[in-house]
PDB file of all heavy atoms in Angstrom:
ATOM      1  N   VAL A   1       1.612   0.688   5.026  1.00  0.00           N
ATOM      2  CA  VAL A   1       1.852  -0.570   5.858  1.00  0.00           C
ATOM      3  C   VAL A   1       1.595  -0.096   7.351  1.00  0.00           C
ATOM      4  O   VAL A   1       0.901  -0.660   8.188  1.00  0.00           O
ATOM      5  CB  VAL A   1       3.056  -1.332   5.649  1.00  0.00           C
ATOM      6  CG1 VAL A   1       3.323  -2.381   6.531  1.00  0.00           C
ATOM      7  CG2 VAL A   1       2.967  -1.903   4.169  1.00  0.00           C
ATOM      8  N   ALA A   2       2.369   0.839   7.839  1.00  0.00           N
ATOM      9  CA  ALA A   2       2.329   1.376   9.087  1.00  0.00           C
ATOM     10  C   ALA A   2       0.853   1.738   9.558  1.00  0.00           C
ATOM     11  O   ALA A   2       0.363   1.505  10.653  1.00  0.00           O
ATOM     12  CB  ALA A   2       3.300   2.524   9.344  1.00  0.00           C
ATOM     13  N   VAL A   3       0.236   2.547   8.568  1.00  0.00           N
ATOM     14  CA  VAL A   3      -1.190   3.000   8.867  1.00  0.00           C
ATOM     15  C   VAL A   3      -2.048   1.773   8.953  1.00  0.00           C
ATOM     16  O   VAL A   3      -3.052   1.719   9.812  1.00  0.00           O
ATOM     17  CB  VAL A   3      -1.620   4.029   7.880  1.00  0.00           C
ATOM     18  CG1 VAL A   3      -3.071   4.221   7.910  1.00  0.00           C
ATOM     19  CG2 VAL A   3      -0.876   5.290   7.956  1.00  0.00           C
ATOM     20  N   GLY A   4      -1.795   0.748   8.161  1.00  0.00           N
ATOM     21  CA  GLY A   4      -2.574  -0.358   8.183  1.00  0.00           C
ATOM     22  C   GLY A   4      -2.569  -1.138   9.567  1.00  0.00           C
ATOM     23  O   GLY A   4      -3.535  -1.658  10.036  1.00  0.00           O
ATOM     24  N   PHE A   5      -1.399  -1.073  10.094  1.00  0.00           N
ATOM     25  CA  PHE A   5      -1.311  -1.687  11.526  1.00  0.00           C
ATOM     26  C   PHE A   5      -1.792  -0.753  12.616  1.00  0.00           C
ATOM     27  O   PHE A   5      -2.228  -1.180  13.605  1.00  0.00           O
ATOM     28  CB  PHE A   5       0.240  -2.151  11.778  1.00  0.00           C
ATOM     29  CG  PHE A   5       0.529  -3.420  11.040  1.00  0.00           C
ATOM     30  CD1 PHE A   5       1.525  -3.348   9.996  1.00  0.00           C
ATOM     31  CD2 PHE A   5      -0.065  -4.590  11.280  1.00  0.00           C
ATOM     32  CE1 PHE A   5       1.927  -4.466   9.220  1.00  0.00           C
ATOM     33  CE2 PHE A   5       0.260  -5.743  10.546  1.00  0.00           C
ATOM     34  CZ  PHE A   5       1.309  -5.669   9.515  1.00  0.00           C
ATOM     35  N   ALA A   6      -1.652   0.635  12.269  1.00  0.00           N
ATOM     36  CA  ALA A   6      -2.058   1.549  13.411  1.00  0.00           C
ATOM     37  C   ALA A   6      -3.589   1.788  13.327  1.00  0.00           C
ATOM     38  O   ALA A   6      -4.209   1.833  14.380  1.00  0.00           O
ATOM     39  CB  ALA A   6      -1.313   2.919  13.216  1.00  0.00           C
ATOM     40  N   ASP A   7      -4.111   1.810  12.246  1.00  0.00           N
ATOM     41  CA  ASP A   7      -5.569   2.405  12.044  1.00  0.00           C
ATOM     42  C   ASP A   7      -6.416   1.353  11.375  1.00  0.00           C
ATOM     43  O   ASP A   7      -7.661   1.630  11.101  1.00  0.00           O
ATOM     44  CB  ASP A   7      -5.594   3.646  11.263  1.00  0.00           C
ATOM     45  CG  ASP A   7      -4.772   4.811  11.911  1.00  0.00           C
ATOM     46  OD1 ASP A   7      -4.684   4.832  13.107  1.00  0.00           O
ATOM     47  OD2 ASP A   7      -4.343   5.709  11.123  1.00  0.00           O
ATOM     48  N   GLY A   8      -5.930   0.157  11.056  1.00  0.00           N
ATOM     49  CA  GLY A   8      -6.693  -0.855  10.469  1.00  0.00           C
ATOM     50  C   GLY A   8      -6.405  -1.051   9.038  1.00  0.00           C
ATOM     51  O   GLY A   8      -5.862  -0.108   8.412  1.00  0.00           O
ATOM     52  N   PRO A   9      -6.559  -2.306   8.575  1.00  0.00           N
ATOM     53  CA  PRO A   9      -6.158  -2.655   7.112  1.00  0.00           C
ATOM     54  C   PRO A   9      -6.809  -1.718   6.063  1.00  0.00           C
ATOM     55  O   PRO A   9      -6.178  -1.449   5.118  1.00  0.00           O
ATOM     56  CB  PRO A   9      -6.586  -4.105   7.016  1.00  0.00           C
ATOM     57  CG  PRO A   9      -7.504  -4.422   8.079  1.00  0.00           C
ATOM     58  CD  PRO A   9      -7.249  -3.337   9.121  1.00  0.00           C
ATOM     59  N   ARG A  10      -8.002  -1.385   6.231  1.00  0.00           N
ATOM     60  CA  ARG A  10      -8.729  -0.568   5.169  1.00  0.00           C
ATOM     61  C   ARG A  10      -8.038   0.838   5.123  1.00  0.00           C
ATOM     62  O   ARG A  10      -7.908   1.278   4.008  1.00  0.00           O
ATOM     63  CB  ARG A  10     -10.194  -0.506   5.456  1.00  0.00           C
ATOM     64  CG  ARG A  10     -10.898  -1.821   5.318  1.00  0.00           C
ATOM     65  CD  ARG A  10     -12.425  -1.672   5.357  1.00  0.00           C
ATOM     66  NE  ARG A  10     -12.980  -2.975   5.497  1.00  0.00           N
ATOM     67  CZ  ARG A  10     -13.010  -4.012   4.638  1.00  0.00           C
ATOM     68  NH1 ARG A  10     -12.394  -4.003   3.559  1.00  0.00           N
ATOM     69  NH2 ARG A  10     -13.518  -5.086   4.956  1.00  0.00           N
ATOM     70  N   ALA A  11      -7.669   1.339   6.249  1.00  0.00           N
ATOM     71  CA  ALA A  11      -6.982   2.706   6.119  1.00  0.00           C
ATOM     72  C   ALA A  11      -5.600   2.407   5.424  1.00  0.00           C
ATOM     73  O   ALA A  11      -5.210   3.338   4.594  1.00  0.00           O
ATOM     74  CB  ALA A  11      -6.835   3.150   7.464  1.00  0.00           C
ATOM     75  N   GLY A  12      -4.924   1.357   5.690  1.00  0.00           N
ATOM     76  CA  GLY A  12      -3.704   1.095   4.988  1.00  0.00           C
ATOM     77  C   GLY A  12      -3.933   0.880   3.445  1.00  0.00           C
ATOM     78  O   GLY A  12      -3.116   1.343   2.706  1.00  0.00           O
ATOM     79  N   LEU A  13      -4.864  -0.016   3.149  1.00  0.00           N
ATOM     80  CA  LEU A  13      -5.238  -0.226   1.745  1.00  0.00           C
ATOM     81  C   LEU A  13      -5.553   1.177   0.953  1.00  0.00           C
ATOM     82  O   LEU A  13      -5.086   1.190  -0.128  1.00  0.00           O
ATOM     83  CB  LEU A  13      -6.418  -1.214   1.754  1.00  0.00           C
ATOM     84  CG  LEU A  13      -6.007  -2.639   1.912  1.00  0.00           C
ATOM     85  CD1 LEU A  13      -7.371  -3.436   2.143  1.00  0.00           C
ATOM     86  CD2 LEU A  13      -5.241  -3.157   0.795  1.00  0.00           C
ATOM     87  N   ALA A  14      -6.276   2.046   1.545  1.00  0.00           N
ATOM     88  CA  ALA A  14      -6.619   3.363   0.894  1.00  0.00           C
ATOM     89  C   ALA A  14      -5.283   4.031   0.488  1.00  0.00           C
ATOM     90  O   ALA A  14      -5.181   4.413  -0.650  1.00  0.00           O
ATOM     91  CB  ALA A  14      -7.366   4.150   1.802  1.00  0.00           C
ATOM     92  N   LEU A  15      -4.245   4.081   1.410  1.00  0.00           N
ATOM     93  CA  LEU A  15      -3.017   4.732   1.185  1.00  0.00           C
ATOM     94  C   LEU A  15      -2.244   3.925   0.101  1.00  0.00           C
ATOM     95  O   LEU A  15      -1.556   4.428  -0.824  1.00  0.00           O
ATOM     96  CB  LEU A  15      -2.200   4.810   2.438  1.00  0.00           C
ATOM     97  CG  LEU A  15      -2.788   6.020   3.359  1.00  0.00           C
ATOM     98  CD1 LEU A  15      -1.961   5.995   4.686  1.00  0.00           C
ATOM     99  CD2 LEU A  15      -2.770   7.328   2.678  1.00  0.00           C
ATOM    100  N   LEU A  16      -2.268   2.614   0.364  1.00  0.00           N
ATOM    101  CA  LEU A  16      -1.514   1.617  -0.636  1.00  0.00           C
ATOM    102  C   LEU A  16      -2.109   1.868  -2.097  1.00  0.00           C
ATOM    103  O   LEU A  16      -1.270   1.752  -3.040  1.00  0.00           O
ATOM    104  CB  LEU A  16      -1.510   0.252  -0.130  1.00  0.00           C
ATOM    105  CG  LEU A  16      -0.503  -0.717  -0.588  1.00  0.00           C
ATOM    106  CD1 LEU A  16       0.873  -0.182  -0.288  1.00  0.00           C
ATOM    107  CD2 LEU A  16      -0.764  -2.047  -0.035  1.00  0.00           C
ATOM    108  N   ASP A  17      -3.334   1.839  -2.212  1.00  0.00           N
ATOM    109  CA  ASP A  17      -3.999   1.976  -3.448  1.00  0.00           C
ATOM    110  C   ASP A  17      -3.591   3.236  -4.171  1.00  0.00           C
ATOM    111  O   ASP A  17      -3.297   3.336  -5.426  1.00  0.00           O
ATOM    112  CB  ASP A  17      -5.483   1.759  -3.523  1.00  0.00           C
ATOM    113  CG  ASP A  17      -5.914   0.390  -3.140  1.00  0.00           C
ATOM    114  OD1 ASP A  17      -5.133  -0.461  -3.290  1.00  0.00           O
ATOM    115  OD2 ASP A  17      -7.149   0.215  -2.721  1.00  0.00           O
ATOM    116  N   ALA A  18      -3.588   4.402  -3.299  1.00  0.00           N
ATOM    117  CA  ALA A  18      -3.002   5.607  -3.907  1.00  0.00           C
ATOM    118  C   ALA A  18      -1.568   5.601  -4.317  1.00  0.00           C
ATOM    119  O   ALA A  18      -1.222   5.987  -5.422  1.00  0.00           O
ATOM    120  CB  ALA A  18      -3.222   6.703  -2.948  1.00  0.00           C
ATOM    121  N   ALA A  19      -0.804   4.940  -3.622  1.00  0.00           N
ATOM    122  CA  ALA A  19       0.617   4.780  -3.882  1.00  0.00           C
ATOM    123  C   ALA A  19       0.830   3.970  -5.153  1.00  0.00           C
ATOM    124  O   ALA A  19       1.730   4.122  -5.887  1.00  0.00           O
ATOM    125  CB  ALA A  19       1.399   4.142  -2.673  1.00  0.00           C
ATOM    126  N   ALA A  20      -0.053   2.863  -5.257  1.00  0.00           N
ATOM    127  CA  ALA A  20       0.087   1.899  -6.405  1.00  0.00           C
ATOM    128  C   ALA A  20      -0.129   2.677  -7.822  1.00  0.00           C
ATOM    129  O   ALA A  20       0.162   2.040  -8.873  1.00  0.00           O
ATOM    130  CB  ALA A  20      -0.787   0.805  -6.228  1.00  0.00           C
ATOM    131  N   GLN A  21      -0.655   3.900  -7.759  1.00  0.00           N
ATOM    132  CA  GLN A  21      -0.901   4.669  -8.990  1.00  0.00           C
ATOM    133  C   GLN A  21       0.445   5.008  -9.672  1.00  0.00           C
ATOM    134  O   GLN A  21       0.453   5.275 -10.753  1.00  0.00           O
ATOM    135  CB  GLN A  21      -1.803   5.832  -8.700  1.00  0.00           C
ATOM    136  CG  GLN A  21      -3.091   5.479  -8.196  1.00  0.00           C
ATOM    137  CD  GLN A  21      -3.864   4.516  -9.079  1.00  0.00           C
ATOM    138  OE1 GLN A  21      -3.972   4.795 -10.215  1.00  0.00           O
ATOM    139  NE2 GLN A  21      -4.322   3.373  -8.617  1.00  0.00           N
ATOM    140  N   ASP A  22       1.466   4.980  -8.892  1.00  0.00           N
ATOM    141  CA  ASP A  22       2.906   5.358  -9.301  1.00  0.00           C
ATOM    142  C   ASP A  22       3.440   4.186 -10.236  1.00  0.00           C
ATOM    143  O   ASP A  22       3.482   3.075  -9.662  1.00  0.00           O
ATOM    144  CB  ASP A  22       3.804   5.689  -8.123  1.00  0.00           C
ATOM    145  CG  ASP A  22       5.126   6.235  -8.566  1.00  0.00           C
ATOM    146  OD1 ASP A  22       5.655   5.777  -9.614  1.00  0.00           O
ATOM    147  OD2 ASP A  22       5.586   7.260  -8.022  1.00  0.00           O
ATOM    148  N   GLU A  23       3.581   4.467 -11.547  1.00  0.00           N
ATOM    149  CA  GLU A  23       4.082   3.413 -12.328  1.00  0.00           C
ATOM    150  C   GLU A  23       5.379   2.654 -11.965  1.00  0.00           C
ATOM    151  O   GLU A  23       5.586   1.541 -12.157  1.00  0.00           O
ATOM    152  CB  GLU A  23       4.252   3.861 -13.725  1.00  0.00           C
ATOM    153  CG  GLU A  23       2.983   4.344 -14.441  1.00  0.00           C
ATOM    154  CD  GLU A  23       3.218   4.833 -15.743  1.00  0.00           C
ATOM    155  OE1 GLU A  23       4.360   4.898 -16.344  1.00  0.00           O
ATOM    156  OE2 GLU A  23       2.228   5.289 -16.521  1.00  0.00           O
ATOM    157  N   ARG A  24       6.151   3.395 -11.230  1.00  0.00           N
ATOM    158  CA  ARG A  24       7.399   2.901 -10.749  1.00  0.00           C
ATOM    159  C   ARG A  24       7.302   1.750  -9.857  1.00  0.00           C
ATOM    160  O   ARG A  24       8.200   1.008  -9.603  1.00  0.00           O
ATOM    161  CB  ARG A  24       8.350   4.077 -10.040  1.00  0.00           C
ATOM    162  CG  ARG A  24       8.772   5.104 -11.121  1.00  0.00           C
ATOM    163  CD  ARG A  24       9.383   6.292 -10.319  1.00  0.00           C
ATOM    164  NE  ARG A  24       8.429   6.885  -9.555  1.00  0.00           N
ATOM    165  CZ  ARG A  24       8.696   7.993  -8.691  1.00  0.00           C
ATOM    166  NH1 ARG A  24       9.888   8.368  -8.644  1.00  0.00           N
ATOM    167  NH2 ARG A  24       7.829   8.485  -7.998  1.00  0.00           N
ATOM    168  N   LEU A  25       6.032   1.566  -9.251  1.00  0.00           N
ATOM    169  CA  LEU A  25       5.916   0.519  -8.228  1.00  0.00           C
ATOM    170  C   LEU A  25       5.303  -0.750  -8.884  1.00  0.00           C
ATOM    171  O   LEU A  25       4.987  -1.701  -8.156  1.00  0.00           O
ATOM    172  CB  LEU A  25       4.957   1.027  -7.043  1.00  0.00           C
ATOM    173  CG  LEU A  25       5.550   2.041  -6.210  1.00  0.00           C
ATOM    174  CD1 LEU A  25       4.557   2.474  -5.230  1.00  0.00           C
ATOM    175  CD2 LEU A  25       6.834   1.544  -5.497  1.00  0.00           C
ATOM    176  N   ALA A  26       4.957  -0.746 -10.113  1.00  0.00           N
ATOM    177  CA  ALA A  26       4.306  -1.851 -10.773  1.00  0.00           C
ATOM    178  C   ALA A  26       5.051  -3.111 -10.517  1.00  0.00           C
ATOM    179  O   ALA A  26       4.257  -4.257 -10.323  1.00  0.00           O
ATOM    180  CB  ALA A  26       4.139  -1.687 -12.271  1.00  0.00           C
ATOM    181  N   ARG A  27       6.255  -3.248 -10.435  1.00  0.00           N
ATOM    182  CA  ARG A  27       7.013  -4.484 -10.198  1.00  0.00           C
ATOM    183  C   ARG A  27       7.753  -4.410  -8.868  1.00  0.00           C
ATOM    184  O   ARG A  27       8.653  -5.254  -8.589  1.00  0.00           O
ATOM    185  CB  ARG A  27       8.081  -4.639 -11.362  1.00  0.00           C
ATOM    186  CG  ARG A  27       7.310  -4.827 -12.683  1.00  0.00           C
ATOM    187  CD  ARG A  27       8.352  -5.222 -13.780  1.00  0.00           C
ATOM    188  NE  ARG A  27       9.144  -6.471 -13.436  1.00  0.00           N
ATOM    189  CZ  ARG A  27       8.682  -7.799 -13.464  1.00  0.00           C
ATOM    190  NH1 ARG A  27       7.483  -7.949 -13.813  1.00  0.00           N
ATOM    191  NH2 ARG A  27       9.470  -8.705 -13.098  1.00  0.00           N
ATOM    192  N   TYR A  28       7.279  -3.589  -7.942  1.00  0.00           N
ATOM    193  CA  TYR A  28       7.930  -3.520  -6.650  1.00  0.00           C
ATOM    194  C   TYR A  28       7.163  -4.501  -5.799  1.00  0.00           C
ATOM    195  O   TYR A  28       6.107  -4.298  -5.278  1.00  0.00           O
ATOM    196  CB  TYR A  28       7.697  -2.173  -6.062  1.00  0.00           C
ATOM    197  CG  TYR A  28       8.314  -1.888  -4.706  1.00  0.00           C
ATOM    198  CD1 TYR A  28       9.702  -2.038  -4.494  1.00  0.00           C
ATOM    199  CD2 TYR A  28       7.588  -1.480  -3.603  1.00  0.00           C
ATOM    200  CE1 TYR A  28      10.326  -1.794  -3.360  1.00  0.00           C
ATOM    201  CE2 TYR A  28       8.108  -1.219  -2.412  1.00  0.00           C
ATOM    202  CZ  TYR A  28       9.519  -1.354  -2.213  1.00  0.00           C
ATOM    203  OH  TYR A  28      10.118  -1.206  -1.061  1.00  0.00           O
ATOM    204  N   GLN A  29       7.845  -5.644  -5.558  1.00  0.00           N
ATOM    205  CA  GLN A  29       7.232  -6.894  -4.861  1.00  0.00           C
ATOM    206  C   GLN A  29       6.724  -6.473  -3.453  1.00  0.00           C
ATOM    207  O   GLN A  29       5.674  -7.020  -3.060  1.00  0.00           O
ATOM    208  CB  GLN A  29       8.295  -7.934  -4.810  1.00  0.00           C
ATOM    209  CG  GLN A  29       7.860  -9.210  -4.271  1.00  0.00           C
ATOM    210  CD  GLN A  29       7.951  -9.271  -2.711  1.00  0.00           C
ATOM    211  OE1 GLN A  29       8.430  -8.525  -2.081  1.00  0.00           O
ATOM    212  NE2 GLN A  29       7.210 -10.351  -2.247  1.00  0.00           N
ATOM    213  N   PRO A  30       7.428  -5.671  -2.684  1.00  0.00           N
ATOM    214  CA  PRO A  30       6.840  -5.347  -1.342  1.00  0.00           C
ATOM    215  C   PRO A  30       5.477  -4.652  -1.362  1.00  0.00           C
ATOM    216  O   PRO A  30       4.694  -4.934  -0.433  1.00  0.00           O
ATOM    217  CB  PRO A  30       7.987  -4.507  -0.641  1.00  0.00           C
ATOM    218  CG  PRO A  30       9.153  -4.867  -1.401  1.00  0.00           C
ATOM    219  CD  PRO A  30       8.815  -5.239  -2.802  1.00  0.00           C
ATOM    220  N   LEU A  31       5.088  -3.919  -2.409  1.00  0.00           N
ATOM    221  CA  LEU A  31       3.829  -3.388  -2.412  1.00  0.00           C
ATOM    222  C   LEU A  31       2.773  -4.472  -2.599  1.00  0.00           C
ATOM    223  O   LEU A  31       1.796  -4.452  -1.899  1.00  0.00           O
ATOM    224  CB  LEU A  31       3.781  -2.370  -3.777  1.00  0.00           C
ATOM    225  CG  LEU A  31       2.422  -1.907  -3.984  1.00  0.00           C
ATOM    226  CD1 LEU A  31       2.383  -0.464  -4.270  1.00  0.00           C
ATOM    227  CD2 LEU A  31       1.708  -2.594  -5.161  1.00  0.00           C
ATOM    228  N   HIS A  32       3.088  -5.415  -3.383  1.00  0.00           N
ATOM    229  CA  HIS A  32       2.074  -6.411  -3.635  1.00  0.00           C
ATOM    230  C   HIS A  32       2.009  -7.381  -2.478  1.00  0.00           C
ATOM    231  O   HIS A  32       0.905  -7.860  -2.062  1.00  0.00           O
ATOM    232  CB  HIS A  32       2.489  -7.344  -4.911  1.00  0.00           C
ATOM    233  CG  HIS A  32       2.551  -6.405  -6.070  1.00  0.00           C
ATOM    234  ND1 HIS A  32       1.306  -6.013  -6.689  1.00  0.00           N
ATOM    235  CD2 HIS A  32       3.538  -5.833  -6.873  1.00  0.00           C
ATOM    236  CE1 HIS A  32       1.588  -5.207  -7.702  1.00  0.00           C
ATOM    237  NE2 HIS A  32       3.031  -5.134  -7.729  1.00  0.00           N
ATOM    238  N   ALA A  33       3.124  -7.640  -1.754  1.00  0.00           N
ATOM    239  CA  ALA A  33       3.041  -8.553  -0.520  1.00  0.00           C
ATOM    240  C   ALA A  33       2.302  -7.652   0.530  1.00  0.00           C
ATOM    241  O   ALA A  33       1.643  -8.307   1.288  1.00  0.00           O
ATOM    242  CB  ALA A  33       4.514  -8.823  -0.147  1.00  0.00           C
ATOM    243  N   ALA A  34       2.551  -6.357   0.737  1.00  0.00           N
ATOM    244  CA  ALA A  34       1.804  -5.594   1.608  1.00  0.00           C
ATOM    245  C   ALA A  34       0.356  -5.531   1.380  1.00  0.00           C
ATOM    246  O   ALA A  34      -0.462  -5.744   2.279  1.00  0.00           O
ATOM    247  CB  ALA A  34       2.450  -4.187   1.579  1.00  0.00           C
TER     248      ALA A  34
END
């Protein structure tokens, strides 16, 4: 999220998509809102 605001949404999405590979985040609402 911070990278998305610092370097643009696509940079943040790239990191967020990588983080979303962690199964523990499947039901983590802030990930989906971000």
